[in-house]
PDB file of N, CA and C in Angstrom:
ATOM      1  N   MET A   1     155.310  64.197 106.573  1.00  0.00           N
ATOM      2  CA  MET A   1     153.801  63.844 106.883  1.00  0.00           C
ATOM      3  C   MET A   1     153.690  64.653 108.077  1.00  0.00           C
ATOM      4  N   GLY A   2     152.764  65.353 108.336  1.00  0.00           N
ATOM      5  CA  GLY A   2     152.122  66.119 109.654  1.00  0.00           C
ATOM      6  C   GLY A   2     151.768  65.082 110.581  1.00  0.00           C
ATOM      7  N   VAL A   3     151.823  65.135 112.038  1.00  0.00           N
ATOM      8  CA  VAL A   3     151.237  64.602 112.896  1.00  0.00           C
ATOM      9  C   VAL A   3     149.950  64.230 112.759  1.00  0.00           C
ATOM     10  N   PHE A   4     149.295  65.087 112.717  1.00  0.00           N
ATOM     11  CA  PHE A   4     147.567  65.152 112.365  1.00  0.00           C
ATOM     12  C   PHE A   4     147.617  64.365 111.354  1.00  0.00           C
ATOM     13  N   ASP A   5     148.049  64.371 110.324  1.00  0.00           N
ATOM     14  CA  ASP A   5     147.459  63.614 108.805  1.00  0.00           C
ATOM     15  C   ASP A   5     148.254  61.508 109.237  1.00  0.00           C
ATOM     16  N   LYS A   6     149.401  61.772 109.977  1.00  0.00           N
ATOM     17  CA  LYS A   6     149.646  60.335 110.615  1.00  0.00           C
ATOM     18  C   LYS A   6     148.678  59.654 111.203  1.00  0.00           C
ATOM     19  N   VAL A   7     148.389  60.310 112.092  1.00  0.00           N
ATOM     20  CA  VAL A   7     146.579  60.044 112.840  1.00  0.00           C
ATOM     21  C   VAL A   7     145.655  59.751 112.301  1.00  0.00           C
ATOM     22  N   LYS A   8     145.616  60.281 111.312  1.00  0.00           N
ATOM     23  CA  LYS A   8     143.737  59.871 110.846  1.00  0.00           C
ATOM     24  C   LYS A   8     143.933  59.016 109.946  1.00  0.00           C
ATOM     25  N   ASP A   9     145.615  58.556 109.250  1.00  0.00           N
ATOM     26  CA  ASP A   9     145.535  57.399 108.555  1.00  0.00           C
ATOM     27  C   ASP A   9     145.691  56.650 109.114  1.00  0.00           C
ATOM     28  N   LYS A  10     146.171  56.206 110.409  1.00  0.00           N
ATOM     29  CA  LYS A  10     145.692  55.226 111.404  1.00  0.00           C
ATOM     30  C   LYS A  10     145.092  54.922 112.072  1.00  0.00           C
ATOM     31  N   ALA A  11     143.908  55.998 112.691  1.00  0.00           N
ATOM     32  CA  ALA A  11     142.745  55.981 112.925  1.00  0.00           C
ATOM     33  C   ALA A  11     141.816  55.464 111.647  1.00  0.00           C
ATOM     34  N   GLU A  12     141.894  55.549 110.533  1.00  0.00           N
ATOM     35  CA  GLU A  12     140.816  55.249 109.438  1.00  0.00           C
ATOM     36  C   GLU A  12     141.511  53.631 109.001  1.00  0.00           C
ATOM     37  N   GLN A  13     142.611  53.385 109.082  1.00  0.00           N
ATOM     38  CA  GLN A  13     142.837  51.738 109.277  1.00  0.00           C
ATOM     39  C   GLN A  13     142.301  50.473 110.384  1.00  0.00           C
ATOM     40  N   LEU A  14     142.697  51.617 111.294  1.00  0.00           N
ATOM     41  CA  LEU A  14     141.841  51.041 112.613  1.00  0.00           C
ATOM     42  C   LEU A  14     140.412  50.830 112.539  1.00  0.00           C
ATOM     43  N   ILE A  15     139.353  51.938 111.996  1.00  0.00           N
ATOM     44  CA  ILE A  15     138.121  51.161 112.091  1.00  0.00           C
ATOM     45  C   ILE A  15     137.866  50.622 111.122  1.00  0.00           C
ATOM     46  N   GLY A  16     138.609  51.002 110.053  1.00  0.00           N
ATOM     47  CA  GLY A  16     138.653  49.307 108.913  1.00  0.00           C
ATOM     48  C   GLY A  16     138.596  48.459 109.284  1.00  0.00           C
ATOM     49  N   GLU A  17     139.606  47.775 110.108  1.00  0.00           N
ATOM     50  CA  GLU A  17     139.890  46.548 110.688  1.00  0.00           C
ATOM     51  C   GLU A  17     138.618  46.314 112.181  1.00  0.00           C
ATOM     52  N   ALA A  18     138.483  46.994 112.444  1.00  0.00           N
ATOM     53  CA  ALA A  18     137.001  47.142 113.492  1.00  0.00           C
ATOM     54  C   ALA A  18     135.828  46.697 112.579  1.00  0.00           C
ATOM     55  N   LYS A  19     135.249  47.856 111.444  1.00  0.00           N
ATOM     56  CA  LYS A  19     134.396  47.476 110.566  1.00  0.00           C
ATOM     57  C   LYS A  19     134.429  45.654 110.080  1.00  0.00           C
ATOM     58  N   GLU A  20     135.717  45.273 109.962  1.00  0.00           N
ATOM     59  CA  GLU A  20     135.504  44.553 109.062  1.00  0.00           C
ATOM     60  C   GLU A  20     135.907  42.883 110.150  1.00  0.00           C
ATOM     61  N   LYS A  21     135.999  43.280 111.385  1.00  0.00           N
ATOM     62  CA  LYS A  21     136.233  42.118 112.022  1.00  0.00           C
ATOM     63  C   LYS A  21     135.019  42.027 112.934  1.00  0.00           C
ATOM     64  N   ILE A  22     133.611  43.268 112.964  1.00  0.00           N
ATOM     65  CA  ILE A  22     132.350  43.140 113.281  1.00  0.00           C
ATOM     66  C   ILE A  22     131.606  42.707 112.280  1.00  0.00           C
ATOM     67  N   GLY A  23     132.165  43.189 111.459  1.00  0.00           N
ATOM     68  CA  GLY A  23     131.025  42.204 109.961  1.00  0.00           C
ATOM     69  C   GLY A  23     131.822  40.911 109.908  1.00  0.00           C
ATOM     70  N   GLN A  24     132.710  40.120 109.917  1.00  0.00           N
ATOM     71  CA  GLN A  24     133.031  38.816 110.253  1.00  0.00           C
ATOM     72  C   GLN A  24     132.269  38.037 111.506  1.00  0.00           C
ATOM     73  N   LEU A  25     131.985  38.893 112.352  1.00  0.00           N
ATOM     74  CA  LEU A  25     131.016  38.263 113.391  1.00  0.00           C
ATOM     75  C   LEU A  25     130.060  38.338 113.601  1.00  0.00           C
ATOM     76  N   THR A  26     129.252  39.073 112.561  1.00  0.00           N
ATOM     77  CA  THR A  26     127.893  39.219 112.753  1.00  0.00           C
ATOM     78  C   THR A  26     127.491  39.219 111.288  1.00  0.00           C
ATOM     79  N   GLY A  27     128.661  38.474 110.289  1.00  0.00           N
ATOM     80  CA  GLY A  27     127.785  37.653 109.380  1.00  0.00           C
ATOM     81  C   GLY A  27     127.380  38.917 108.430  1.00  0.00           C
ATOM     82  N   ASN A  28     127.978  39.910 108.713  1.00  0.00           N
ATOM     83  CA  ASN A  28     127.567  41.126 107.761  1.00  0.00           C
ATOM     84  C   ASN A  28     128.682  41.484 106.445  1.00  0.00           C
ATOM     85  N   GLU A  29     128.617  40.616 105.513  1.00  0.00           N
ATOM     86  CA  GLU A  29     129.411  40.869 103.893  1.00  0.00           C
ATOM     87  C   GLU A  29     129.998  42.406 103.765  1.00  0.00           C
ATOM     88  N   SER A  30     128.702  43.092 104.093  1.00  0.00           N
ATOM     89  CA  SER A  30     128.925  44.550 103.284  1.00  0.00           C
ATOM     90  C   SER A  30     129.372  45.096 104.331  1.00  0.00           C
ATOM     91  N   LEU A  31     129.557  45.077 105.568  1.00  0.00           N
ATOM     92  CA  LEU A  31     130.064  45.766 106.486  1.00  0.00           C
ATOM     93  C   LEU A  31     131.965  45.415 106.766  1.00  0.00           C
ATOM     94  N   GLU A  32     132.359  43.827 106.476  1.00  0.00           N
ATOM     95  CA  GLU A  32     132.916  43.507 106.312  1.00  0.00           C
ATOM     96  C   GLU A  32     134.257  44.175 105.201  1.00  0.00           C
ATOM     97  N   ASN A  33     133.410  43.958 103.597  1.00  0.00           N
ATOM     98  CA  ASN A  33     134.115  45.202 103.060  1.00  0.00           C
ATOM     99  C   ASN A  33     133.825  45.988 102.710  1.00  0.00           C
ATOM    100  N   ALA A  34     133.560  46.980 103.594  1.00  0.00           N
ATOM    101  CA  ALA A  34     133.409  48.588 104.120  1.00  0.00           C
ATOM    102  C   ALA A  34     134.381  48.623 105.006  1.00  0.00           C
ATOM    103  N   GLY A  35     134.865  48.102 105.785  1.00  0.00           N
ATOM    104  CA  GLY A  35     136.275  47.909 106.497  1.00  0.00           C
ATOM    105  C   GLY A  35     137.945  47.341 105.941  1.00  0.00           C
ATOM    106  N   LYS A  36     137.091  46.489 104.966  1.00  0.00           N
ATOM    107  CA  LYS A  36     138.304  46.619 104.266  1.00  0.00           C
ATOM    108  C   LYS A  36     139.130  47.547 103.586  1.00  0.00           C
ATOM    109  N   ARG A  37     137.784  48.084 102.891  1.00  0.00           N
ATOM    110  CA  ARG A  37     138.070  49.580 102.204  1.00  0.00           C
ATOM    111  C   ARG A  37     139.065  50.681 102.842  1.00  0.00           C
ATOM    112  N   ASP A  38     138.397  50.908 103.970  1.00  0.00           N
ATOM    113  CA  ASP A  38     138.706  51.614 104.888  1.00  0.00           C
ATOM    114  C   ASP A  38     140.333  51.482 105.314  1.00  0.00           C
ATOM    115  N   GLN A  39     140.440  50.397 105.523  1.00  0.00           N
ATOM    116  CA  GLN A  39     141.792  50.089 106.002  1.00  0.00           C
ATOM    117  C   GLN A  39     142.523  49.838 104.214  1.00  0.00           C
ATOM    118  N   LEU A  40     142.785  49.935 103.572  1.00  0.00           N
ATOM    119  CA  LEU A  40     143.156  50.230 101.857  1.00  0.00           C
ATOM    120  C   LEU A  40     143.469  51.467 101.971  1.00  0.00           C
ATOM    121  N   SER A  41     142.328  52.367 101.768  1.00  0.00           N
ATOM    122  CA  SER A  41     142.159  53.838 101.787  1.00  0.00           C
ATOM    123  C   SER A  41     143.616  54.437 102.783  1.00  0.00           C
ATOM    124  N   GLY A  42     143.304  54.243 104.028  1.00  0.00           N
ATOM    125  CA  GLY A  42     144.367  54.496 105.250  1.00  0.00           C
ATOM    126  C   GLY A  42     145.709  54.471 104.951  1.00  0.00           C
ATOM    127  N   GLU A  43     146.301  53.071 104.470  1.00  0.00           N
ATOM    128  CA  GLU A  43     147.148  52.823 103.926  1.00  0.00           C
ATOM    129  C   GLU A  43     147.892  53.406 103.086  1.00  0.00           C
ATOM    130  N   ALA A  44     146.698  53.341 101.941  1.00  0.00           N
ATOM    131  CA  ALA A  44     146.601  54.206 100.376  1.00  0.00           C
ATOM    132  C   ALA A  44     147.600  55.948 100.823  1.00  0.00           C
ATOM    133  N   LYS A  45     147.093  56.138 102.118  1.00  0.00           N
ATOM    134  CA  LYS A  45     147.073  57.394 101.680  1.00  0.00           C
ATOM    135  C   LYS A  45     148.192  57.759 102.919  1.00  0.00           C
ATOM    136  N   GLU A  46     148.560  57.042 103.440  1.00  0.00           N
ATOM    137  CA  GLU A  46     149.534  56.828 104.491  1.00  0.00           C
ATOM    138  C   GLU A  46     151.438  56.675 104.062  1.00  0.00           C
ATOM    139  N   THR A  47     150.754  55.798 102.569  1.00  0.00           N
ATOM    140  CA  THR A  47     152.042  55.404 101.376  1.00  0.00           C
ATOM    141  C   THR A  47     152.052  56.778 100.845  1.00  0.00           C
ATOM    142  N   ALA A  48     151.039  57.622 100.476  1.00  0.00           N
ATOM    143  CA  ALA A  48     151.275  58.909  99.522  1.00  0.00           C
ATOM    144  C   ALA A  48     151.989  59.604 100.336  1.00  0.00           C
ATOM    145  N   HIS A  49     151.724  60.037 102.078  1.00  0.00           N
ATOM    146  CA  HIS A  49     152.502  60.907 102.676  1.00  0.00           C
ATOM    147  C   HIS A  49     153.390  60.375 102.707  1.00  0.00           C
ATOM    148  N   ASP A  50     154.177  59.300 103.144  1.00  0.00           N
ATOM    149  CA  ASP A  50     155.670  59.200 103.003  1.00  0.00           C
ATOM    150  C   ASP A  50     155.838  58.951 101.968  1.00  0.00           C
ATOM    151  N   LEU A  51     155.754  58.838 100.484  1.00  0.00           N
ATOM    152  CA  LEU A  51     156.772  59.353  99.682  1.00  0.00           C
ATOM    153  C   LEU A  51     156.271  60.758  99.229  1.00  0.00           C
ATOM    154  N   ARG A  52     155.514  61.835  99.870  1.00  0.00           N
ATOM    155  CA  ARG A  52     155.547  63.259  99.605  1.00  0.00           C
ATOM    156  C   ARG A  52     156.716  63.972 100.305  1.00  0.00           C
ATOM    157  N   ASP A  53     157.175  63.050 101.755  1.00  0.00           N
ATOM    158  CA  ASP A  53     158.040  63.697 102.222  1.00  0.00           C
ATOM    159  C   ASP A  53     159.610  63.056 102.261  1.00  0.00           C
ATOM    160  N   LYS A  54     159.252  61.989 101.560  1.00  0.00           N
ATOM    161  CA  LYS A  54     160.631  61.431 101.062  1.00  0.00           C
ATOM    162  C   LYS A  54     161.050  62.735  99.696  1.00  0.00           C
ATOM    163  N   ALA A  55     160.462  63.103  99.011  1.00  0.00           N
ATOM    164  CA  ALA A  55     160.843  63.779  97.853  1.00  0.00           C
ATOM    165  C   ALA A  55     161.070  65.201  98.383  1.00  0.00           C
ATOM    166  N   ALA A  56     160.145  65.517  99.154  1.00  0.00           N
ATOM    167  CA  ALA A  56     160.669  66.974 100.086  1.00  0.00           C
ATOM    168  C   ALA A  56     162.230  66.619 100.456  1.00  0.00           C
ATOM    169  N   GLY A  57     162.247  65.752 100.994  1.00  0.00           N
ATOM    170  CA  GLY A  57     163.561  65.415 101.539  1.00  0.00           C
ATOM    171  C   GLY A  57     164.393  65.835 100.769  1.00  0.00           C
ATOM    172  N   ALA A  58     164.288  64.920  99.376  1.00  0.00           N
ATOM    173  CA  ALA A  58     165.315  64.996  98.709  1.00  0.00           C
ATOM    174  C   ALA A  58     165.591  66.430  98.261  1.00  0.00           C
ATOM    175  N   VAL A  59     164.690  67.140  97.390  1.00  0.00           N
ATOM    176  CA  VAL A  59     164.596  68.460  97.357  1.00  0.00           C
ATOM    177  C   VAL A  59     165.385  69.179  98.628  1.00  0.00           C
ATOM    178  N   GLU A  60     165.275  69.017  99.507  1.00  0.00           N
ATOM    179  CA  GLU A  60     165.681  69.782 100.692  1.00  0.00           C
ATOM    180  C   GLU A  60     167.615  69.471 100.424  1.00  0.00           C
ATOM    181  N   ASP A  61     167.322  68.053 100.371  1.00  0.00           N
ATOM    182  CA  ASP A  61     168.979  67.636 100.489  1.00  0.00           C
ATOM    183  C   ASP A  61     169.894  68.426  99.069  1.00  0.00           C
ATOM    184  N   ALA A  62     169.213  67.989  98.337  1.00  0.00           N
ATOM    185  CA  ALA A  62     170.082  68.674  96.713  1.00  0.00           C
ATOM    186  C   ALA A  62     170.125  69.945  96.854  1.00  0.00           C
ATOM    187  N   ARG A  63     168.798  71.092  97.429  1.00  0.00           N
ATOM    188  CA  ARG A  63     169.347  72.708  97.538  1.00  0.00           C
ATOM    189  C   ARG A  63     170.100  72.458  98.783  1.00  0.00           C
ATOM    190  N   ASP A  64     170.609  72.206  99.556  1.00  0.00           N
ATOM    191  CA  ASP A  64     171.501  72.124 100.598  1.00  0.00           C
ATOM    192  C   ASP A  64     173.257  71.765 100.122  1.00  0.00           C
ATOM    193  N   ARG A  65     173.112  70.822  99.234  1.00  0.00           N
ATOM    194  CA  ARG A  65     174.499  70.396  98.428  1.00  0.00           C
ATOM    195  C   ARG A  65     174.613  71.711  97.682  1.00  0.00           C
ATOM    196  N   LEU A  66     173.334  72.055  96.785  1.00  0.00           N
ATOM    197  CA  LEU A  66     173.933  73.208  95.876  1.00  0.00           C
ATOM    198  C   LEU A  66     174.249  74.440  96.843  1.00  0.00           C
ATOM    199  N   ASP A  67     173.257  75.048  97.609  1.00  0.00           N
ATOM    200  CA  ASP A  67     173.790  76.262  98.436  1.00  0.00           C
ATOM    201  C   ASP A  67     175.772  76.176  98.585  1.00  0.00           C
ATOM    202  N   GLY A  68     175.673  74.660  99.421  1.00  0.00           N
ATOM    203  CA  GLY A  68     177.227  74.250  99.654  1.00  0.00           C
ATOM    204  C   GLY A  68     178.430  74.409  99.090  1.00  0.00           C
ATOM    205  N   ASP A  69     177.770  74.358  97.586  1.00  0.00           N
ATOM    206  CA  ASP A  69     178.975  74.722  96.739  1.00  0.00           C
ATOM    207  C   ASP A  69     178.986  76.276  96.176  1.00  0.00           C
ATOM    208  N   LYS A  70     178.213  77.419  97.073  1.00  0.00           N
ATOM    209  CA  LYS A  70     178.467  78.617  96.770  1.00  0.00           C
ATOM    210  C   LYS A  70     179.385  79.691  97.549  1.00  0.00           C
TER     211      LYS A  70
END
């Protein structure tokens, strides 16, 4: 995962957390729910990026093993 992607995902989670807390403090259920959605979205994106990176690493490892056999 690129550093930029990781920062964006974490920022989305932090913004969501802030929205949720502000929503709780002000009694604004809509803002609280929006914050929860932002957090979940950021976590999902982070997980997807991590899985993509692991898959790319596995492909690279397999390619290295095959190249080593030649």
